[in-house]
Amino acid sequence: MQRLQDRVAVITGAGSGIGLATARRFAQEGAKVVAVDLDEVAGAKAADEVGGLFVQADVSVEDDVVRMFRTAHDTFGSVDIAFNNAGISPPEDDSILTTGVDAWRRVQEVNLTSVYYCCKHVIPYMRRQGKGSIINTASFVAVMGSATSQISYTASKGGVLAMTRELGVQFAREGIRVNALCPGPVDTPLLQELFAKDPERAQRRLVHIPIGRFARAEEMAAAVAFLASDDASFITASEFLVDGGISSAYVTPL
């Protein structure tokens, strides 16, 4: 399919995981990809693979965010899609009883404040165009509670979801759609690193997924491509759950 033909898509966290899978999917669908990542090697590699443009940026720094969208617009003439995906989940973010304020603040800066910056600085481009699609990566933890807490991560994703809902309503009549992708646990390097340190914790989470496995990054990319495309033209301010049924489960199959 070529649902995104010639549209300019900016993807943060494009060097790995969901971001990399989405860069590949967007390119397959005809988009011009601007791959943004803090990691210069991974980001440049992703951009080269999809024939896109690499911009190194720390999305928790406002000036970097301004620069990345300006570069995308100056290079390609528009910014049609923003997939605000960059995020972290460090091991020091754990129970509220043990998580220090420095870890709390860092996760909030990267996971929530960066999305605020990205939306704040891409919306003016989209307003001038009279159209655009923004997809913010939240999480299924934004709609559920967990006893295996990552307190700052959970709070940050709840903030992303609430902000997305408000922006989706506020700018709907200007042709700008804003939606939150809410993935379940995805088999990415980030999750592998987290669970390699604690296999019991991984199994405790896996048992709650009705489908019985973690998601693949490509499955998330397919959902993002749908939300970015005109196939989702009547969808905005939504929490788009792609979680293998976890948020609807009480007792899962054996």
C-alpha atoms as a PDB file:
ATOM      1  CA  MET A   1       0.000   0.000   0.000  1.00  0.00           C
ATOM      2  CA  GLN A   2       1.049   3.594  -0.635  1.00  0.00           C
ATOM      3  CA  ARG A   3      -1.230   5.380   1.821  1.00  0.00           C
ATOM      4  CA  LEU A   4       1.483   7.860   2.819  1.00  0.00           C
ATOM      5  CA  GLN A   5       2.839   8.678  -0.620  1.00  0.00           C
ATOM      6  CA  ASP A   6       5.076  11.794  -0.512  1.00  0.00           C
ATOM      7  CA  ARG A   7       4.016  12.748   2.994  1.00  0.00           C
ATOM      8  CA  VAL A   8       6.748  13.984   5.303  1.00  0.00           C
ATOM      9  CA  ALA A   9       6.923  12.009   8.532  1.00  0.00           C
ATOM     10  CA  VAL A  10       9.072  12.905  11.532  1.00  0.00           C
ATOM     11  CA  ILE A  11       9.746   9.951  13.850  1.00  0.00           C
ATOM     12  CA  THR A  12      11.462  10.367  17.207  1.00  0.00           C
ATOM     13  CA  GLY A  13      13.245   7.406  18.724  1.00  0.00           C
ATOM     14  CA  ALA A  14      13.695   6.114  15.181  1.00  0.00           C
ATOM     15  CA  GLY A  15      16.917   4.231  15.846  1.00  0.00           C
ATOM     16  CA  SER A  16      15.385   1.112  17.391  1.00  0.00           C
ATOM     17  CA  GLY A  17      12.249  -0.690  18.497  1.00  0.00           C
ATOM     18  CA  ILE A  18       8.867   0.728  17.488  1.00  0.00           C
ATOM     19  CA  GLY A  19      10.469   3.806  15.965  1.00  0.00           C
ATOM     20  CA  LEU A  20      12.687   1.807  13.615  1.00  0.00           C
ATOM     21  CA  ALA A  21       9.856  -0.524  12.623  1.00  0.00           C
ATOM     22  CA  THR A  22       7.674   2.507  11.898  1.00  0.00           C
ATOM     23  CA  ALA A  23      10.373   4.188   9.810  1.00  0.00           C
ATOM     24  CA  ARG A  24      10.492   1.052   7.684  1.00  0.00           C
ATOM     25  CA  ARG A  25       6.694   0.842   7.392  1.00  0.00           C
ATOM     26  CA  PHE A  26       6.302   4.533   6.558  1.00  0.00           C
ATOM     27  CA  ALA A  27       8.930   4.247   3.831  1.00  0.00           C
ATOM     28  CA  GLN A  28       7.164   1.206   2.394  1.00  0.00           C
ATOM     29  CA  GLU A  29       3.973   3.271   2.273  1.00  0.00           C
ATOM     30  CA  GLY A  30       5.671   6.055   0.334  1.00  0.00           C
ATOM     31  CA  ALA A  31       6.511   8.584   3.051  1.00  0.00           C
ATOM     32  CA  LYS A  32       9.592  10.773   3.214  1.00  0.00           C
ATOM     33  CA  VAL A  33      11.038   9.832   6.598  1.00  0.00           C
ATOM     34  CA  VAL A  34      12.900  12.118   8.967  1.00  0.00           C
ATOM     35  CA  ALA A  35      14.503   9.799  11.511  1.00  0.00           C
ATOM     36  CA  VAL A  36      15.289  11.491  14.825  1.00  0.00           C
ATOM     37  CA  ASP A  37      17.362   9.904  17.544  1.00  0.00           C
ATOM     38  CA  LEU A  38      19.836  10.829  20.255  1.00  0.00           C
ATOM     39  CA  ASP A  39      22.037   7.912  19.191  1.00  0.00           C
ATOM     40  CA  GLU A  40      23.864   9.165  16.122  1.00  0.00           C
ATOM     41  CA  VAL A  41      24.937   5.719  14.909  1.00  0.00           C
ATOM     42  CA  ALA A  42      21.532   4.033  15.253  1.00  0.00           C
ATOM     43  CA  GLY A  43      19.622   7.031  13.935  1.00  0.00           C
ATOM     44  CA  ALA A  44      21.839   7.489  10.889  1.00  0.00           C
ATOM     45  CA  LYS A  45      21.635   3.779  10.135  1.00  0.00           C
ATOM     46  CA  ALA A  46      17.830   3.880  10.289  1.00  0.00           C
ATOM     47  CA  ALA A  47      17.669   6.900   7.990  1.00  0.00           C
ATOM     48  CA  ASP A  48      20.051   5.300   5.483  1.00  0.00           C
ATOM     49  CA  GLU A  49      18.036   2.091   5.436  1.00  0.00           C
ATOM     50  CA  VAL A  50      14.796   3.869   4.500  1.00  0.00           C
ATOM     51  CA  GLY A  51      16.326   6.529   2.266  1.00  0.00           C
ATOM     52  CA  GLY A  52      15.412   9.235   4.739  1.00  0.00           C
ATOM     53  CA  LEU A  53      16.998  12.144   6.560  1.00  0.00           C
ATOM     54  CA  PHE A  54      18.665  11.777   9.951  1.00  0.00           C
ATOM     55  CA  VAL A  55      18.472  14.496  12.579  1.00  0.00           C
ATOM     56  CA  GLN A  56      20.295  13.997  15.841  1.00  0.00           C
ATOM     57  CA  ALA A  57      18.299  15.501  18.684  1.00  0.00           C
ATOM     58  CA  ASP A  58      17.600  15.227  22.383  1.00  0.00           C
ATOM     59  CA  VAL A  59      13.828  15.571  22.446  1.00  0.00           C
ATOM     60  CA  SER A  60      13.881  16.639  26.093  1.00  0.00           C
ATOM     61  CA  VAL A  61      15.633  19.848  24.927  1.00  0.00           C
ATOM     62  CA  GLU A  62      13.228  22.337  23.371  1.00  0.00           C
ATOM     63  CA  ASP A  63      15.760  23.923  21.017  1.00  0.00           C
ATOM     64  CA  ASP A  64      16.530  20.477  19.568  1.00  0.00           C
ATOM     65  CA  VAL A  65      12.843  19.863  18.912  1.00  0.00           C
ATOM     66  CA  VAL A  66      12.451  23.243  17.194  1.00  0.00           C
ATOM     67  CA  ARG A  67      15.478  22.452  15.028  1.00  0.00           C
ATOM     68  CA  MET A  68      14.315  18.983  13.998  1.00  0.00           C
ATOM     69  CA  PHE A  69      10.924  20.181  12.720  1.00  0.00           C
ATOM     70  CA  ARG A  70      12.488  23.208  11.022  1.00  0.00           C
ATOM     71  CA  THR A  71      14.985  20.908   9.299  1.00  0.00           C
ATOM     72  CA  ALA A  72      12.211  18.578   8.139  1.00  0.00           C
ATOM     73  CA  HIS A  73      10.166  21.468   6.775  1.00  0.00           C
ATOM     74  CA  ASP A  74      13.104  23.251   5.153  1.00  0.00           C
ATOM     75  CA  THR A  75      14.227  20.010   3.478  1.00  0.00           C
ATOM     76  CA  PHE A  76      10.906  18.630   2.262  1.00  0.00           C
ATOM     77  CA  GLY A  77       8.484  21.578   2.366  1.00  0.00           C
ATOM     78  CA  SER A  78       5.972  20.227   4.868  1.00  0.00           C
ATOM     79  CA  VAL A  79       5.504  18.226   8.037  1.00  0.00           C
ATOM     80  CA  ASP A  80       2.510  15.953   7.541  1.00  0.00           C
ATOM     81  CA  ILE A  81       3.025  13.304  10.228  1.00  0.00           C
ATOM     82  CA  ALA A  82       4.674  13.467  13.641  1.00  0.00           C
ATOM     83  CA  PHE A  83       5.216  10.195  15.471  1.00  0.00           C
ATOM     84  CA  ASN A  84       6.354  11.329  18.903  1.00  0.00           C
ATOM     85  CA  ASN A  85       7.711   8.034  20.091  1.00  0.00           C
ATOM     86  CA  ALA A  86      10.972   8.551  21.998  1.00  0.00           C
ATOM     87  CA  GLY A  87      10.927   7.282  25.565  1.00  0.00           C
ATOM     88  CA  ILE A  88      12.907   5.604  28.319  1.00  0.00           C
ATOM     89  CA  SER A  89      12.208   3.074  31.038  1.00  0.00           C
ATOM     90  CA  PRO A  90      15.290   2.920  33.266  1.00  0.00           C
ATOM     91  CA  PRO A  91      15.639   0.272  35.994  1.00  0.00           C
ATOM     92  CA  GLU A  92      15.885   2.908  38.722  1.00  0.00           C
ATOM     93  CA  ASP A  93      12.263   3.831  37.970  1.00  0.00           C
ATOM     94  CA  ASP A  94      10.475   1.281  40.143  1.00  0.00           C
ATOM     95  CA  SER A  95       8.138   1.407  43.135  1.00  0.00           C
ATOM     96  CA  ILE A  96       7.228   4.847  44.432  1.00  0.00           C
ATOM     97  CA  LEU A  97       8.878   3.765  47.689  1.00  0.00           C
ATOM     98  CA  THR A  98      12.285   3.347  46.069  1.00  0.00           C
ATOM     99  CA  THR A  99      12.300   5.658  43.035  1.00  0.00           C
ATOM    100  CA  GLY A 100      14.329   8.807  43.629  1.00  0.00           C
ATOM    101  CA  VAL A 101      13.277  12.229  42.427  1.00  0.00           C
ATOM    102  CA  ASP A 102      16.147  12.433  39.923  1.00  0.00           C
ATOM    103  CA  ALA A 103      14.937   9.261  38.178  1.00  0.00           C
ATOM    104  CA  TRP A 104      11.362  10.540  38.357  1.00  0.00           C
ATOM    105  CA  ARG A 105      12.277  13.831  36.698  1.00  0.00           C
ATOM    106  CA  ARG A 106      14.412  12.288  33.957  1.00  0.00           C
ATOM    107  CA  VAL A 107      11.634   9.929  32.885  1.00  0.00           C
ATOM    108  CA  GLN A 108       9.104  12.764  32.900  1.00  0.00           C
ATOM    109  CA  GLU A 109      11.414  14.933  30.780  1.00  0.00           C
ATOM    110  CA  VAL A 110      12.000  12.284  28.125  1.00  0.00           C
ATOM    111  CA  ASN A 111       8.582  10.628  28.074  1.00  0.00           C
ATOM    112  CA  LEU A 112       6.182  13.511  28.710  1.00  0.00           C
ATOM    113  CA  THR A 113       7.867  16.888  28.365  1.00  0.00           C
ATOM    114  CA  SER A 114       9.348  15.826  25.030  1.00  0.00           C
ATOM    115  CA  VAL A 115       5.857  15.060  23.707  1.00  0.00           C
ATOM    116  CA  TYR A 116       4.714  18.477  24.911  1.00  0.00           C
ATOM    117  CA  TYR A 117       7.612  20.076  23.003  1.00  0.00           C
ATOM    118  CA  CYS A 118       6.976  17.986  19.890  1.00  0.00           C
ATOM    119  CA  CYS A 119       3.277  18.795  19.759  1.00  0.00           C
ATOM    120  CA  LYS A 120       3.840  22.465  20.594  1.00  0.00           C
ATOM    121  CA  HIS A 121       6.302  22.932  17.748  1.00  0.00           C
ATOM    122  CA  VAL A 122       4.772  20.751  15.032  1.00  0.00           C
ATOM    123  CA  ILE A 123       1.202  22.005  15.331  1.00  0.00           C
ATOM    124  CA  PRO A 124       2.008  25.457  13.843  1.00  0.00           C
ATOM    125  CA  TYR A 125       3.309  23.790  10.662  1.00  0.00           C
ATOM    126  CA  MET A 126       0.184  21.667  10.442  1.00  0.00           C
ATOM    127  CA  ARG A 127      -2.113  24.635  11.083  1.00  0.00           C
ATOM    128  CA  ARG A 128      -0.588  26.489   8.147  1.00  0.00           C
ATOM    129  CA  GLN A 129      -1.086  23.404   5.968  1.00  0.00           C
ATOM    130  CA  GLY A 130      -4.615  22.862   7.247  1.00  0.00           C
ATOM    131  CA  LYS A 131      -3.922  19.208   7.963  1.00  0.00           C
ATOM    132  CA  GLY A 132      -1.695  16.781   9.806  1.00  0.00           C
ATOM    133  CA  SER A 133      -1.573  13.641  11.877  1.00  0.00           C
ATOM    134  CA  ILE A 134       0.161  13.400  15.249  1.00  0.00           C
ATOM    135  CA  ILE A 135       0.632  10.058  16.960  1.00  0.00           C
ATOM    136  CA  ASN A 136       2.001  10.081  20.499  1.00  0.00           C
ATOM    137  CA  THR A 137       3.292   6.898  22.089  1.00  0.00           C
ATOM    138  CA  ALA A 138       1.525   6.334  25.389  1.00  0.00           C
ATOM    139  CA  SER A 139       1.067   2.821  26.805  1.00  0.00           C
ATOM    140  CA  PHE A 140      -1.503   0.388  28.078  1.00  0.00           C
ATOM    141  CA  VAL A 141      -0.234   1.311  31.557  1.00  0.00           C
ATOM    142  CA  ALA A 142      -1.934   4.681  31.025  1.00  0.00           C
ATOM    143  CA  VAL A 143      -5.304   2.940  31.414  1.00  0.00           C
ATOM    144  CA  MET A 144      -4.426   0.216  33.958  1.00  0.00           C
ATOM    145  CA  GLY A 145      -2.687  -0.217  37.279  1.00  0.00           C
ATOM    146  CA  SER A 146       0.148  -2.623  37.991  1.00  0.00           C
ATOM    147  CA  ALA A 147       1.670  -4.027  41.142  1.00  0.00           C
ATOM    148  CA  THR A 148       4.998  -4.290  39.263  1.00  0.00           C
ATOM    149  CA  SER A 149       5.234  -0.534  39.112  1.00  0.00           C
ATOM    150  CA  GLN A 150       7.458   1.788  37.141  1.00  0.00           C
ATOM    151  CA  ILE A 151       5.935   4.796  38.801  1.00  0.00           C
ATOM    152  CA  SER A 152       7.353   7.636  36.730  1.00  0.00           C
ATOM    153  CA  TYR A 153       6.903   5.745  33.454  1.00  0.00           C
ATOM    154  CA  THR A 154       3.277   5.031  34.309  1.00  0.00           C
ATOM    155  CA  ALA A 155       2.602   8.634  35.291  1.00  0.00           C
ATOM    156  CA  SER A 156       4.334   9.963  32.175  1.00  0.00           C
ATOM    157  CA  LYS A 157       2.262   7.785  29.869  1.00  0.00           C
ATOM    158  CA  GLY A 158      -0.932   8.829  31.634  1.00  0.00           C
ATOM    159  CA  GLY A 159       0.099  12.412  30.951  1.00  0.00           C
ATOM    160  CA  VAL A 160       0.748  11.661  27.283  1.00  0.00           C
ATOM    161  CA  LEU A 161      -2.701  10.131  26.951  1.00  0.00           C
ATOM    162  CA  ALA A 162      -4.491  13.047  28.635  1.00  0.00           C
ATOM    163  CA  MET A 163      -2.558  15.637  26.620  1.00  0.00           C
ATOM    164  CA  THR A 164      -3.261  13.767  23.392  1.00  0.00           C
ATOM    165  CA  ARG A 165      -6.976  13.697  24.114  1.00  0.00           C
ATOM    166  CA  GLU A 166      -7.073  17.431  24.754  1.00  0.00           C
ATOM    167  CA  LEU A 167      -5.046  18.358  21.675  1.00  0.00           C
ATOM    168  CA  GLY A 168      -7.140  16.056  19.514  1.00  0.00           C
ATOM    169  CA  VAL A 169     -10.265  17.905  20.557  1.00  0.00           C
ATOM    170  CA  GLN A 170      -8.740  21.385  20.420  1.00  0.00           C
ATOM    171  CA  PHE A 171      -7.395  21.160  16.866  1.00  0.00           C
ATOM    172  CA  ALA A 172      -9.899  18.780  15.275  1.00  0.00           C
ATOM    173  CA  ARG A 173     -11.619  21.466  13.192  1.00  0.00           C
ATOM    174  CA  GLU A 174      -8.295  22.629  11.805  1.00  0.00           C
ATOM    175  CA  GLY A 175      -7.701  19.289  10.126  1.00  0.00           C
ATOM    176  CA  ILE A 176      -5.169  18.086  12.690  1.00  0.00           C
ATOM    177  CA  ARG A 177      -5.717  14.651  14.179  1.00  0.00           C
ATOM    178  CA  VAL A 178      -3.948  13.717  17.417  1.00  0.00           C
ATOM    179  CA  ASN A 179      -4.047  10.148  18.692  1.00  0.00           C
ATOM    180  CA  ALA A 180      -2.251   8.096  21.325  1.00  0.00           C
ATOM    181  CA  LEU A 181      -0.832   4.693  20.495  1.00  0.00           C
ATOM    182  CA  CYS A 182      -1.153   2.556  23.621  1.00  0.00           C
ATOM    183  CA  PRO A 183       1.025  -0.519  23.084  1.00  0.00           C
ATOM    184  CA  GLY A 184       1.021  -3.558  25.275  1.00  0.00           C
ATOM    185  CA  PRO A 185       4.425  -5.051  26.135  1.00  0.00           C
ATOM    186  CA  VAL A 186       6.500  -5.085  22.946  1.00  0.00           C
ATOM    187  CA  ASP A 187       9.474  -7.341  22.281  1.00  0.00           C
ATOM    188  CA  THR A 188      11.976  -4.510  21.811  1.00  0.00           C
ATOM    189  CA  PRO A 189      15.541  -4.021  23.086  1.00  0.00           C
ATOM    190  CA  LEU A 190      14.126  -1.845  25.875  1.00  0.00           C
ATOM    191  CA  LEU A 191      11.841  -4.621  27.156  1.00  0.00           C
ATOM    192  CA  GLN A 192      14.464  -7.316  26.629  1.00  0.00           C
ATOM    193  CA  GLU A 193      16.945  -5.389  28.739  1.00  0.00           C
ATOM    194  CA  LEU A 194      14.396  -4.805  31.477  1.00  0.00           C
ATOM    195  CA  PHE A 195      13.236  -8.425  31.660  1.00  0.00           C
ATOM    196  CA  ALA A 196      16.629 -10.056  31.185  1.00  0.00           C
ATOM    197  CA  LYS A 197      17.453  -8.777  34.633  1.00  0.00           C
ATOM    198  CA  ASP A 198      14.324 -10.347  36.112  1.00  0.00           C
ATOM    199  CA  PRO A 199      12.816 -13.338  34.197  1.00  0.00           C
ATOM    200  CA  GLU A 200      10.275 -13.904  36.965  1.00  0.00           C
ATOM    201  CA  ARG A 201       8.992 -10.377  36.514  1.00  0.00           C
ATOM    202  CA  ALA A 202       8.717 -10.934  32.763  1.00  0.00           C
ATOM    203  CA  GLN A 203       6.688 -14.101  33.243  1.00  0.00           C
ATOM    204  CA  ARG A 204       4.451 -12.361  35.745  1.00  0.00           C
ATOM    205  CA  ARG A 205       3.552  -9.856  33.058  1.00  0.00           C
ATOM    206  CA  LEU A 206       3.312 -12.293  30.159  1.00  0.00           C
ATOM    207  CA  VAL A 207       0.682 -14.415  31.890  1.00  0.00           C
ATOM    208  CA  HIS A 208      -1.786 -11.521  31.749  1.00  0.00           C
ATOM    209  CA  ILE A 209      -1.764 -11.180  27.956  1.00  0.00           C
ATOM    210  CA  PRO A 210      -4.683 -13.117  26.413  1.00  0.00           C
ATOM    211  CA  ILE A 211      -2.847 -13.635  23.113  1.00  0.00           C
ATOM    212  CA  GLY A 212      -0.053 -15.249  25.119  1.00  0.00           C
ATOM    213  CA  ARG A 213       2.991 -13.401  23.787  1.00  0.00           C
ATOM    214  CA  PHE A 214       4.597  -9.992  23.657  1.00  0.00           C
ATOM    215  CA  ALA A 215       3.868  -7.817  20.637  1.00  0.00           C
ATOM    216  CA  ARG A 216       6.244  -7.365  17.730  1.00  0.00           C
ATOM    217  CA  ALA A 217       7.433  -3.879  16.856  1.00  0.00           C
ATOM    218  CA  GLU A 218       6.100  -4.382  13.325  1.00  0.00           C
ATOM    219  CA  GLU A 219       2.589  -4.791  14.717  1.00  0.00           C
ATOM    220  CA  MET A 220       2.849  -1.403  16.390  1.00  0.00           C
ATOM    221  CA  ALA A 221       4.216   0.121  13.197  1.00  0.00           C
ATOM    222  CA  ALA A 222       1.164  -1.136  11.303  1.00  0.00           C
ATOM    223  CA  ALA A 223      -1.100   0.587  13.805  1.00  0.00           C
ATOM    224  CA  VAL A 224       0.874   3.834  13.543  1.00  0.00           C
ATOM    225  CA  ALA A 225       0.717   3.732   9.740  1.00  0.00           C
ATOM    226  CA  PHE A 226      -3.057   3.336   9.954  1.00  0.00           C
ATOM    227  CA  LEU A 227      -3.413   6.297  12.329  1.00  0.00           C
ATOM    228  CA  ALA A 228      -1.169   8.407  10.103  1.00  0.00           C
ATOM    229  CA  SER A 229      -3.155   7.605   6.967  1.00  0.00           C
ATOM    230  CA  ASP A 230      -6.473   8.814   5.584  1.00  0.00           C
ATOM    231  CA  ASP A 231      -7.937   5.428   6.539  1.00  0.00           C
ATOM    232  CA  ALA A 232      -8.111   6.932  10.041  1.00  0.00           C
ATOM    233  CA  SER A 233      -9.598  10.240   8.883  1.00  0.00           C
ATOM    234  CA  PHE A 234     -12.436  10.125  11.460  1.00  0.00           C
ATOM    235  CA  ILE A 235     -10.224   9.091  14.363  1.00  0.00           C
ATOM    236  CA  THR A 236      -8.841  11.729  16.704  1.00  0.00           C
ATOM    237  CA  ALA A 237      -8.357  12.220  20.449  1.00  0.00           C
ATOM    238  CA  SER A 238      -8.372   8.444  20.799  1.00  0.00           C
ATOM    239  CA  GLU A 239      -6.521   5.955  22.957  1.00  0.00           C
ATOM    240  CA  PHE A 240      -5.589   3.365  20.354  1.00  0.00           C
ATOM    241  CA  LEU A 241      -4.954   0.211  22.353  1.00  0.00           C
ATOM    242  CA  VAL A 242      -2.810  -2.426  20.645  1.00  0.00           C
ATOM    243  CA  ASP A 243      -2.244  -4.642  23.643  1.00  0.00           C
ATOM    244  CA  GLY A 244      -3.175  -8.240  22.831  1.00  0.00           C
ATOM    245  CA  GLY A 245      -6.329  -7.876  24.921  1.00  0.00           C
ATOM    246  CA  ILE A 246      -4.514  -7.188  28.189  1.00  0.00           C
ATOM    247  CA  SER A 247      -6.574  -4.132  29.128  1.00  0.00           C
ATOM    248  CA  SER A 248      -9.817  -6.095  28.789  1.00  0.00           C
ATOM    249  CA  ALA A 249      -8.718  -9.256  30.563  1.00  0.00           C
ATOM    250  CA  TYR A 250      -9.797 -10.529  33.971  1.00  0.00           C
ATOM    251  CA  VAL A 251      -8.983 -14.237  33.716  1.00  0.00           C
ATOM    252  CA  THR A 252      -6.789 -15.205  30.778  1.00  0.00           C
ATOM    253  CA  PRO A 253      -6.777 -18.532  28.882  1.00  0.00           C
ATOM    254  CA  LEU A 254      -4.566 -21.340  30.119  1.00  0.00           C
END
